[in-house]
N, C-alpha and C. Protein backbone atom coordinates (compact mmCIF):
# COMPACT_ATOMS: atom_id res chain seq x y z
N MET A 1 -32.64 -177.08 38.79
CA MET A 1 -31.92 -176.97 40.05
C MET A 1 -30.91 -178.11 40.15
N MET A 2 -29.72 -177.79 40.54
CA MET A 2 -28.64 -178.77 40.68
C MET A 2 -28.89 -179.64 41.91
N ASN A 3 -28.74 -180.95 41.74
CA ASN A 3 -28.89 -181.87 42.87
C ASN A 3 -27.51 -182.13 43.47
N LEU A 4 -27.21 -181.44 44.55
CA LEU A 4 -25.87 -181.51 45.14
C LEU A 4 -25.52 -182.88 45.70
N ILE A 5 -26.51 -183.67 46.08
CA ILE A 5 -26.23 -185.00 46.64
C ILE A 5 -25.52 -185.87 45.59
N ASP A 6 -25.71 -185.56 44.32
CA ASP A 6 -25.02 -186.30 43.26
C ASP A 6 -23.51 -186.12 43.32
N TYR A 7 -23.06 -185.08 44.01
CA TYR A 7 -21.63 -184.77 44.12
C TYR A 7 -21.05 -185.23 45.46
N LEU A 8 -21.82 -186.01 46.22
CA LEU A 8 -21.39 -186.47 47.54
C LEU A 8 -21.50 -188.00 47.62
N PRO A 9 -20.56 -188.71 47.00
CA PRO A 9 -20.63 -190.17 47.03
C PRO A 9 -20.41 -190.73 48.43
N THR A 10 -20.97 -191.90 48.66
CA THR A 10 -20.81 -192.59 49.94
C THR A 10 -19.66 -193.59 49.82
N ILE A 11 -18.74 -193.51 50.78
CA ILE A 11 -17.60 -194.42 50.82
C ILE A 11 -17.80 -195.34 52.03
N PRO A 12 -18.09 -196.64 51.80
CA PRO A 12 -18.34 -197.53 52.94
C PRO A 12 -17.06 -197.86 53.71
N ASP A 13 -17.24 -198.05 55.00
CA ASP A 13 -16.16 -198.50 55.90
C ASP A 13 -14.96 -197.54 55.94
N PHE A 14 -15.24 -196.24 55.85
CA PHE A 14 -14.19 -195.23 55.98
C PHE A 14 -14.64 -194.19 56.99
N PRO A 15 -13.82 -193.81 57.94
CA PRO A 15 -12.44 -194.24 58.20
C PRO A 15 -12.35 -195.52 59.02
N LYS A 16 -13.50 -196.06 59.42
CA LYS A 16 -13.52 -197.30 60.20
C LYS A 16 -14.64 -198.19 59.67
N PRO A 17 -14.54 -199.50 59.89
CA PRO A 17 -15.62 -200.40 59.48
C PRO A 17 -16.96 -199.97 60.08
N GLY A 18 -17.99 -200.02 59.24
CA GLY A 18 -19.33 -199.66 59.69
C GLY A 18 -19.71 -198.21 59.44
N ILE A 19 -18.74 -197.36 59.12
CA ILE A 19 -19.02 -195.95 58.85
C ILE A 19 -19.30 -195.78 57.36
N MET A 20 -20.36 -195.04 57.04
CA MET A 20 -20.69 -194.70 55.65
C MET A 20 -20.31 -193.24 55.45
N PHE A 21 -19.13 -192.99 54.93
CA PHE A 21 -18.53 -191.66 54.83
C PHE A 21 -19.04 -190.94 53.59
N LYS A 22 -19.47 -189.70 53.73
CA LYS A 22 -19.87 -188.88 52.59
C LYS A 22 -18.67 -188.04 52.16
N ASP A 23 -18.21 -188.25 50.94
CA ASP A 23 -17.02 -187.58 50.42
C ASP A 23 -17.42 -186.26 49.75
N ILE A 24 -16.89 -185.14 50.28
CA ILE A 24 -17.20 -183.83 49.71
C ILE A 24 -16.25 -183.45 48.57
N SER A 25 -15.22 -184.25 48.32
CA SER A 25 -14.21 -183.89 47.32
C SER A 25 -14.80 -183.64 45.93
N PRO A 26 -15.70 -184.48 45.41
CA PRO A 26 -16.26 -184.20 44.09
C PRO A 26 -17.04 -182.89 44.04
N LEU A 27 -17.74 -182.55 45.11
CA LEU A 27 -18.47 -181.28 45.15
C LEU A 27 -17.49 -180.11 45.09
N LEU A 28 -16.41 -180.19 45.84
CA LEU A 28 -15.42 -179.11 45.85
C LEU A 28 -14.71 -179.00 44.51
N ALA A 29 -14.48 -180.12 43.84
CA ALA A 29 -13.74 -180.12 42.58
C ALA A 29 -14.57 -179.58 41.41
N ASP A 30 -15.87 -179.64 41.53
CA ASP A 30 -16.74 -179.14 40.46
C ASP A 30 -17.10 -177.69 40.75
N LYS A 31 -16.58 -176.76 39.95
CA LYS A 31 -16.76 -175.34 40.24
C LYS A 31 -18.23 -174.93 40.29
N ASP A 32 -19.06 -175.52 39.44
CA ASP A 32 -20.47 -175.15 39.44
C ASP A 32 -21.19 -175.69 40.68
N ALA A 33 -20.88 -176.92 41.06
CA ALA A 33 -21.50 -177.50 42.25
C ALA A 33 -21.07 -176.75 43.51
N PHE A 34 -19.78 -176.45 43.62
CA PHE A 34 -19.28 -175.72 44.79
C PHE A 34 -19.89 -174.32 44.86
N SER A 35 -19.92 -173.65 43.72
CA SER A 35 -20.51 -172.31 43.68
C SER A 35 -21.98 -172.34 44.07
N HIS A 36 -22.70 -173.33 43.55
CA HIS A 36 -24.12 -173.46 43.89
C HIS A 36 -24.30 -173.74 45.39
N ALA A 37 -23.49 -174.64 45.92
CA ALA A 37 -23.57 -174.95 47.35
C ALA A 37 -23.32 -173.71 48.19
N MET A 38 -22.31 -172.93 47.82
CA MET A 38 -21.99 -171.72 48.60
C MET A 38 -23.09 -170.67 48.48
N SER A 39 -23.67 -170.53 47.30
CA SER A 39 -24.79 -169.59 47.14
C SER A 39 -25.96 -169.98 48.03
N GLU A 40 -26.25 -171.27 48.07
CA GLU A 40 -27.36 -171.75 48.90
C GLU A 40 -27.05 -171.65 50.39
N LEU A 41 -25.82 -171.94 50.77
CA LEU A 41 -25.43 -171.79 52.19
C LEU A 41 -25.50 -170.31 52.59
N HIS A 42 -25.09 -169.43 51.70
CA HIS A 42 -25.20 -167.99 51.99
C HIS A 42 -26.66 -167.59 52.16
N ARG A 43 -27.52 -168.08 51.28
CA ARG A 43 -28.96 -167.79 51.39
C ARG A 43 -29.49 -168.24 52.75
N LEU A 44 -29.12 -169.43 53.18
CA LEU A 44 -29.56 -169.92 54.49
C LEU A 44 -29.00 -169.06 55.63
N SER A 45 -27.76 -168.62 55.49
CA SER A 45 -27.13 -167.84 56.56
C SER A 45 -27.81 -166.49 56.77
N LEU A 46 -28.46 -165.98 55.75
CA LEU A 46 -29.12 -164.68 55.86
C LEU A 46 -30.30 -164.72 56.84
N GLN A 47 -30.76 -165.90 57.20
CA GLN A 47 -31.86 -166.05 58.16
C GLN A 47 -31.39 -165.89 59.60
N THR A 48 -30.09 -165.84 59.82
CA THR A 48 -29.52 -165.79 61.17
C THR A 48 -28.58 -164.59 61.30
N PRO A 49 -28.92 -163.60 62.12
CA PRO A 49 -27.98 -162.49 62.32
C PRO A 49 -26.72 -162.99 63.05
N PHE A 50 -25.54 -162.66 62.51
CA PHE A 50 -24.29 -163.09 63.14
C PHE A 50 -23.19 -162.09 62.83
N ASP A 51 -22.15 -162.10 63.68
CA ASP A 51 -21.01 -161.21 63.52
C ASP A 51 -19.78 -161.92 62.96
N TYR A 52 -19.62 -163.19 63.31
CA TYR A 52 -18.46 -163.99 62.89
C TYR A 52 -18.93 -165.39 62.55
N ILE A 53 -18.12 -166.07 61.74
CA ILE A 53 -18.34 -167.47 61.44
C ILE A 53 -17.21 -168.26 62.10
N LEU A 54 -17.58 -169.31 62.82
CA LEU A 54 -16.60 -170.21 63.41
C LEU A 54 -16.58 -171.48 62.58
N GLY A 55 -15.46 -171.74 61.90
CA GLY A 55 -15.29 -172.94 61.10
C GLY A 55 -14.66 -174.04 61.93
N ILE A 56 -15.19 -175.24 61.81
CA ILE A 56 -14.73 -176.38 62.59
C ILE A 56 -13.77 -177.22 61.75
N GLU A 57 -12.58 -177.48 62.31
CA GLU A 57 -11.54 -178.24 61.61
C GLU A 57 -12.05 -179.63 61.26
N SER A 58 -11.72 -180.10 60.11
CA SER A 58 -10.97 -179.42 59.08
C SER A 58 -11.85 -179.04 57.90
N ARG A 59 -12.78 -179.89 57.55
CA ARG A 59 -13.58 -179.60 56.36
C ARG A 59 -14.54 -178.44 56.57
N GLY A 60 -14.88 -178.15 57.81
CA GLY A 60 -15.70 -176.97 58.08
C GLY A 60 -15.01 -175.68 57.69
N PHE A 61 -13.66 -175.69 57.71
CA PHE A 61 -12.89 -174.51 57.30
C PHE A 61 -13.20 -174.11 55.86
N ILE A 62 -13.36 -175.09 55.00
CA ILE A 62 -13.57 -174.83 53.58
C ILE A 62 -14.82 -173.99 53.38
N PHE A 63 -15.93 -174.46 53.94
CA PHE A 63 -17.21 -173.78 53.75
C PHE A 63 -17.28 -172.49 54.56
N ALA A 64 -16.74 -172.51 55.77
CA ALA A 64 -16.75 -171.30 56.61
C ALA A 64 -15.92 -170.19 55.98
N SER A 65 -14.78 -170.52 55.41
CA SER A 65 -13.92 -169.51 54.77
C SER A 65 -14.64 -168.87 53.59
N ALA A 66 -15.22 -169.70 52.75
CA ALA A 66 -15.94 -169.17 51.58
C ALA A 66 -17.13 -168.32 52.02
N LEU A 67 -17.87 -168.79 53.02
CA LEU A 67 -19.03 -168.03 53.49
C LEU A 67 -18.61 -166.73 54.16
N ALA A 68 -17.52 -166.75 54.90
CA ALA A 68 -17.03 -165.51 55.53
C ALA A 68 -16.70 -164.48 54.46
N GLN A 69 -16.08 -164.91 53.39
CA GLN A 69 -15.73 -163.98 52.31
C GLN A 69 -17.00 -163.44 51.64
N ILE A 70 -17.94 -164.31 51.32
CA ILE A 70 -19.19 -163.89 50.68
C ILE A 70 -19.97 -162.94 51.59
N SER A 71 -19.97 -163.21 52.88
CA SER A 71 -20.77 -162.46 53.86
C SER A 71 -20.06 -161.24 54.41
N ASN A 72 -18.78 -161.08 54.07
CA ASN A 72 -17.97 -159.99 54.61
C ASN A 72 -17.93 -160.04 56.15
N LYS A 73 -17.68 -161.24 56.67
CA LYS A 73 -17.59 -161.46 58.12
C LYS A 73 -16.22 -162.05 58.45
N GLY A 74 -15.83 -161.91 59.70
CA GLY A 74 -14.59 -162.52 60.17
C GLY A 74 -14.74 -164.02 60.34
N LEU A 75 -13.61 -164.71 60.25
CA LEU A 75 -13.57 -166.17 60.39
C LEU A 75 -12.77 -166.54 61.63
N ILE A 76 -13.34 -167.40 62.45
CA ILE A 76 -12.69 -167.93 63.64
C ILE A 76 -12.52 -169.43 63.44
N MET A 77 -11.36 -169.96 63.82
CA MET A 77 -11.10 -171.38 63.63
C MET A 77 -11.22 -172.15 64.94
N ALA A 78 -11.98 -173.22 64.93
CA ALA A 78 -12.00 -174.20 66.02
C ALA A 78 -11.10 -175.34 65.55
N ARG A 79 -9.98 -175.54 66.26
CA ARG A 79 -8.95 -176.46 65.80
C ARG A 79 -8.80 -177.66 66.72
N LYS A 80 -8.14 -178.67 66.20
CA LYS A 80 -7.75 -179.83 67.00
C LYS A 80 -6.68 -179.37 67.98
N PRO A 81 -6.38 -180.16 69.01
CA PRO A 81 -5.44 -179.73 70.05
C PRO A 81 -4.04 -179.39 69.53
N ASN A 82 -3.43 -178.41 70.19
CA ASN A 82 -2.03 -178.03 69.97
C ASN A 82 -1.73 -177.49 68.57
N LYS A 83 -2.71 -176.84 67.96
CA LYS A 83 -2.51 -176.25 66.64
C LYS A 83 -2.54 -174.72 66.68
N LEU A 84 -2.88 -174.16 67.84
CA LEU A 84 -3.00 -172.71 67.96
C LEU A 84 -1.89 -172.17 68.85
N PRO A 85 -1.34 -170.99 68.52
CA PRO A 85 -0.13 -170.51 69.18
C PRO A 85 -0.32 -169.80 70.52
N THR A 86 -1.53 -169.43 70.87
CA THR A 86 -1.74 -168.69 72.12
C THR A 86 -2.64 -169.50 73.05
N GLU A 87 -2.94 -168.95 74.22
CA GLU A 87 -3.81 -169.64 75.18
C GLU A 87 -5.16 -169.96 74.53
N THR A 88 -5.69 -171.13 74.87
CA THR A 88 -6.94 -171.57 74.24
C THR A 88 -7.97 -172.00 75.28
N TYR A 89 -9.21 -172.02 74.82
CA TYR A 89 -10.27 -172.74 75.51
C TYR A 89 -10.34 -174.10 74.84
N SER A 90 -10.58 -175.16 75.62
CA SER A 90 -10.64 -176.52 75.07
C SER A 90 -11.96 -177.17 75.45
N GLU A 91 -12.43 -178.07 74.58
CA GLU A 91 -13.67 -178.80 74.85
C GLU A 91 -13.56 -180.19 74.25
N PHE A 92 -13.86 -181.20 75.06
CA PHE A 92 -13.88 -182.60 74.64
C PHE A 92 -15.19 -182.87 73.91
N TYR A 93 -15.16 -183.75 72.91
CA TYR A 93 -16.39 -184.15 72.23
C TYR A 93 -16.26 -185.56 71.68
N GLY A 94 -17.40 -186.19 71.45
CA GLY A 94 -17.45 -187.51 70.84
C GLY A 94 -17.88 -187.38 69.39
N LEU A 95 -17.37 -188.24 68.55
CA LEU A 95 -17.73 -188.28 67.13
C LEU A 95 -18.48 -189.56 66.84
N GLU A 96 -18.93 -189.67 65.60
CA GLU A 96 -19.57 -190.90 65.15
C GLU A 96 -18.60 -192.07 65.25
N TYR A 97 -17.28 -191.79 65.12
CA TYR A 97 -16.29 -192.87 65.11
C TYR A 97 -15.12 -192.63 66.05
N GLY A 98 -15.33 -191.93 67.17
CA GLY A 98 -14.25 -191.73 68.13
C GLY A 98 -14.49 -190.54 69.03
N GLN A 99 -13.41 -189.95 69.53
CA GLN A 99 -13.50 -188.77 70.39
C GLN A 99 -12.27 -187.90 70.20
N ASP A 100 -12.41 -186.60 70.53
CA ASP A 100 -11.32 -185.66 70.32
C ASP A 100 -11.58 -184.40 71.14
N TYR A 101 -10.75 -183.41 70.94
CA TYR A 101 -10.89 -182.09 71.56
C TYR A 101 -10.92 -181.03 70.47
N LEU A 102 -11.57 -179.92 70.76
CA LEU A 102 -11.51 -178.73 69.93
C LEU A 102 -10.96 -177.60 70.78
N GLU A 103 -10.30 -176.65 70.13
CA GLU A 103 -9.77 -175.48 70.83
C GLU A 103 -10.02 -174.23 70.00
N VAL A 104 -10.20 -173.10 70.70
CA VAL A 104 -10.19 -171.78 70.07
C VAL A 104 -9.28 -170.89 70.91
N GLN A 105 -8.69 -169.92 70.26
CA GLN A 105 -7.83 -168.98 70.97
C GLN A 105 -8.67 -168.10 71.89
N GLN A 106 -8.18 -167.90 73.10
CA GLN A 106 -8.92 -167.12 74.09
C GLN A 106 -9.07 -165.66 73.68
N ASN A 107 -8.13 -165.13 72.94
CA ASN A 107 -8.15 -163.70 72.62
C ASN A 107 -8.79 -163.38 71.27
N ILE A 108 -9.44 -164.34 70.64
CA ILE A 108 -9.89 -164.13 69.26
C ILE A 108 -11.40 -163.88 69.14
N ILE A 109 -12.21 -164.36 70.07
CA ILE A 109 -13.66 -164.19 69.99
C ILE A 109 -14.08 -163.01 70.86
N PRO A 110 -14.62 -161.96 70.26
CA PRO A 110 -15.07 -160.83 71.07
C PRO A 110 -16.26 -161.22 71.97
N GLN A 111 -16.22 -160.75 73.21
CA GLN A 111 -17.33 -161.02 74.11
C GLN A 111 -18.62 -160.44 73.53
N LYS A 112 -19.69 -161.18 73.73
CA LYS A 112 -21.04 -160.82 73.29
C LYS A 112 -21.24 -160.87 71.78
N ALA A 113 -20.21 -161.22 71.01
CA ALA A 113 -20.37 -161.37 69.56
C ALA A 113 -21.31 -162.53 69.28
N LYS A 114 -22.03 -162.44 68.16
CA LYS A 114 -22.92 -163.52 67.72
C LYS A 114 -22.14 -164.37 66.71
N ILE A 115 -21.99 -165.65 67.04
CA ILE A 115 -21.13 -166.54 66.27
C ILE A 115 -21.97 -167.62 65.57
N LEU A 116 -21.84 -167.70 64.25
CA LEU A 116 -22.46 -168.77 63.47
C LEU A 116 -21.47 -169.91 63.36
N LEU A 117 -21.85 -171.09 63.84
CA LEU A 117 -21.00 -172.29 63.79
C LEU A 117 -21.18 -172.96 62.44
N MET A 118 -20.07 -173.38 61.82
CA MET A 118 -20.18 -174.00 60.51
C MET A 118 -19.30 -175.22 60.39
N ASP A 119 -19.92 -176.29 59.88
CA ASP A 119 -19.20 -177.53 59.61
C ASP A 119 -19.73 -178.11 58.31
N ASP A 120 -19.04 -179.11 57.80
CA ASP A 120 -19.50 -179.73 56.56
C ASP A 120 -20.66 -180.69 56.81
N VAL A 121 -20.57 -181.50 57.87
CA VAL A 121 -21.57 -182.54 58.12
C VAL A 121 -22.05 -182.47 59.56
N LEU A 122 -23.35 -182.62 59.74
CA LEU A 122 -23.94 -182.82 61.06
C LEU A 122 -24.29 -184.29 61.17
N ALA A 123 -23.60 -184.99 62.05
CA ALA A 123 -23.88 -186.41 62.30
C ALA A 123 -24.51 -186.53 63.68
N THR A 124 -23.72 -186.76 64.71
CA THR A 124 -24.25 -186.93 66.07
C THR A 124 -24.44 -185.60 66.80
N GLY A 125 -23.83 -184.54 66.30
CA GLY A 125 -23.94 -183.23 66.94
C GLY A 125 -22.84 -182.94 67.94
N GLY A 126 -21.96 -183.89 68.19
CA GLY A 126 -20.93 -183.71 69.20
C GLY A 126 -19.95 -182.60 68.89
N THR A 127 -19.53 -182.50 67.64
CA THR A 127 -18.54 -181.48 67.27
C THR A 127 -19.13 -180.08 67.39
N ILE A 128 -20.34 -179.91 66.89
CA ILE A 128 -20.96 -178.58 66.94
C ILE A 128 -21.29 -178.20 68.38
N THR A 129 -21.72 -179.15 69.18
CA THR A 129 -21.99 -178.86 70.60
C THR A 129 -20.70 -178.42 71.30
N ALA A 130 -19.59 -179.07 71.00
CA ALA A 130 -18.30 -178.67 71.58
C ALA A 130 -17.92 -177.27 71.13
N ALA A 131 -18.12 -176.97 69.85
CA ALA A 131 -17.81 -175.62 69.34
C ALA A 131 -18.67 -174.58 70.05
N ALA A 132 -19.94 -174.90 70.30
CA ALA A 132 -20.82 -173.98 71.01
C ALA A 132 -20.31 -173.73 72.43
N SER A 133 -19.83 -174.77 73.08
CA SER A 133 -19.28 -174.61 74.43
C SER A 133 -18.07 -173.68 74.42
N LEU A 134 -17.25 -173.77 73.39
CA LEU A 134 -16.09 -172.89 73.28
C LEU A 134 -16.52 -171.43 73.12
N VAL A 135 -17.55 -171.21 72.32
CA VAL A 135 -18.08 -169.85 72.14
C VAL A 135 -18.59 -169.31 73.47
N ASN A 136 -19.32 -170.15 74.20
CA ASN A 136 -19.85 -169.73 75.51
C ASN A 136 -18.72 -169.44 76.49
N LYS A 137 -17.67 -170.26 76.49
CA LYS A 137 -16.53 -170.02 77.38
C LYS A 137 -15.88 -168.67 77.10
N ALA A 138 -15.93 -168.23 75.85
CA ALA A 138 -15.33 -166.96 75.45
C ALA A 138 -16.24 -165.77 75.78
N GLY A 139 -17.44 -166.04 76.26
CA GLY A 139 -18.36 -164.96 76.60
C GLY A 139 -19.14 -164.43 75.42
N ALA A 140 -19.17 -165.18 74.33
CA ALA A 140 -19.92 -164.79 73.15
C ALA A 140 -21.22 -165.59 73.08
N GLN A 141 -22.01 -165.34 72.04
CA GLN A 141 -23.31 -166.01 71.88
C GLN A 141 -23.29 -166.87 70.62
N VAL A 142 -23.90 -168.03 70.71
CA VAL A 142 -24.07 -168.88 69.53
C VAL A 142 -25.29 -168.38 68.78
N ALA A 143 -25.08 -167.91 67.55
CA ALA A 143 -26.19 -167.42 66.73
C ALA A 143 -26.95 -168.59 66.12
N GLY A 144 -26.26 -169.70 65.86
CA GLY A 144 -26.86 -170.87 65.24
C GLY A 144 -25.76 -171.72 64.63
N ALA A 145 -26.19 -172.76 63.94
CA ALA A 145 -25.26 -173.66 63.26
C ALA A 145 -25.73 -173.85 61.83
N LEU A 146 -24.78 -173.98 60.92
CA LEU A 146 -25.06 -174.17 59.51
C LEU A 146 -24.14 -175.27 58.98
N VAL A 147 -24.73 -176.25 58.29
CA VAL A 147 -23.95 -177.35 57.73
C VAL A 147 -24.35 -177.61 56.29
N LEU A 148 -23.43 -178.16 55.54
CA LEU A 148 -23.73 -178.57 54.18
C LEU A 148 -24.67 -179.77 54.18
N LEU A 149 -24.34 -180.78 54.98
CA LEU A 149 -25.03 -182.07 54.94
C LEU A 149 -25.41 -182.54 56.33
N GLU A 150 -26.65 -182.97 56.50
CA GLU A 150 -27.12 -183.53 57.77
C GLU A 150 -27.50 -184.99 57.57
N ILE A 151 -26.94 -185.86 58.39
CA ILE A 151 -27.29 -187.28 58.36
C ILE A 151 -28.36 -187.46 59.44
N THR A 152 -29.62 -187.43 59.04
CA THR A 152 -30.73 -187.32 59.99
C THR A 152 -30.85 -188.51 60.93
N GLU A 153 -30.52 -189.71 60.48
CA GLU A 153 -30.70 -190.90 61.33
C GLU A 153 -29.79 -190.90 62.55
N LEU A 154 -28.76 -190.05 62.56
CA LEU A 154 -27.85 -189.99 63.71
C LEU A 154 -28.31 -188.99 64.77
N LEU A 155 -29.41 -188.28 64.50
CA LEU A 155 -30.11 -187.44 65.48
C LEU A 155 -29.27 -186.29 66.03
N GLY A 156 -28.34 -185.79 65.24
CA GLY A 156 -27.54 -184.65 65.67
C GLY A 156 -28.37 -183.40 65.89
N ARG A 157 -29.37 -183.18 65.05
CA ARG A 157 -30.22 -182.00 65.20
C ARG A 157 -30.94 -182.01 66.54
N LYS A 158 -31.37 -183.20 66.98
CA LYS A 158 -32.04 -183.31 68.28
C LYS A 158 -31.08 -182.89 69.40
N LYS A 159 -29.84 -183.36 69.33
CA LYS A 159 -28.85 -182.98 70.34
C LYS A 159 -28.62 -181.47 70.34
N LEU A 160 -28.52 -180.88 69.16
CA LEU A 160 -28.31 -179.44 69.07
C LEU A 160 -29.53 -178.67 69.55
N SER A 161 -30.71 -179.17 69.24
CA SER A 161 -31.94 -178.53 69.71
C SER A 161 -32.00 -178.55 71.24
N GLU A 162 -31.62 -179.67 71.84
CA GLU A 162 -31.60 -179.77 73.30
C GLU A 162 -30.60 -178.79 73.91
N ALA A 163 -29.57 -178.43 73.15
CA ALA A 163 -28.57 -177.45 73.60
C ALA A 163 -28.96 -176.03 73.16
N HIS A 164 -30.17 -175.88 72.62
CA HIS A 164 -30.71 -174.59 72.18
C HIS A 164 -29.87 -173.97 71.06
N ILE A 165 -29.42 -174.82 70.14
CA ILE A 165 -28.67 -174.36 68.98
C ILE A 165 -29.56 -174.54 67.75
N GLU A 166 -30.00 -173.42 67.20
CA GLU A 166 -30.82 -173.47 65.99
C GLU A 166 -29.93 -173.88 64.82
N THR A 167 -30.36 -174.89 64.07
CA THR A 167 -29.51 -175.49 63.06
C THR A 167 -30.18 -175.48 61.70
N GLN A 168 -29.39 -175.16 60.68
CA GLN A 168 -29.84 -175.23 59.30
C GLN A 168 -28.89 -176.12 58.52
N SER A 169 -29.46 -176.93 57.64
CA SER A 169 -28.64 -177.78 56.77
C SER A 169 -29.11 -177.61 55.34
N LEU A 170 -28.16 -177.62 54.42
CA LEU A 170 -28.50 -177.48 53.01
C LEU A 170 -29.05 -178.78 52.45
N ILE A 171 -28.47 -179.90 52.86
CA ILE A 171 -28.87 -181.22 52.35
C ILE A 171 -29.13 -182.12 53.54
N GLU A 172 -30.25 -182.85 53.50
CA GLU A 172 -30.55 -183.85 54.53
C GLU A 172 -30.64 -185.21 53.88
N ILE A 173 -29.96 -186.19 54.51
CA ILE A 173 -30.09 -187.57 54.02
C ILE A 173 -30.46 -188.46 55.19
């Protein structure tokens, strides 16, 4: 079995001092590691019935796009502010190293659809919680959340659990 953590080096003090950043670039660059990661993420996704995948900007797009193609599901983008051309729902969130907003187009998420939230890393849970709020504002349902990597010491899963978001991660550190 391939050990995917070997393809996720830690970069200290990026993007700010005190942050231990996990770089996904080597995993993406290695076709076997990326293929294995996507196969395993697909396997995990089969445990959650969903209609669409919502990818969270920016690195969440990579995994969500690949999973949408493998799963034959539609892809919805949660973007940073002012990147979408039509009316949006917006939600503020805090990150491990700052704060920002996410937006989704108001006309893109079908009401009552089951939406699987996808990002590359679960740290504090702020980004995924904001994405869930956007889904709720659109009148759809959060089916769950799926991430490549979970940094357990930051307690993001606890935050998501308190928000009733069932979460799966491929790798926990």
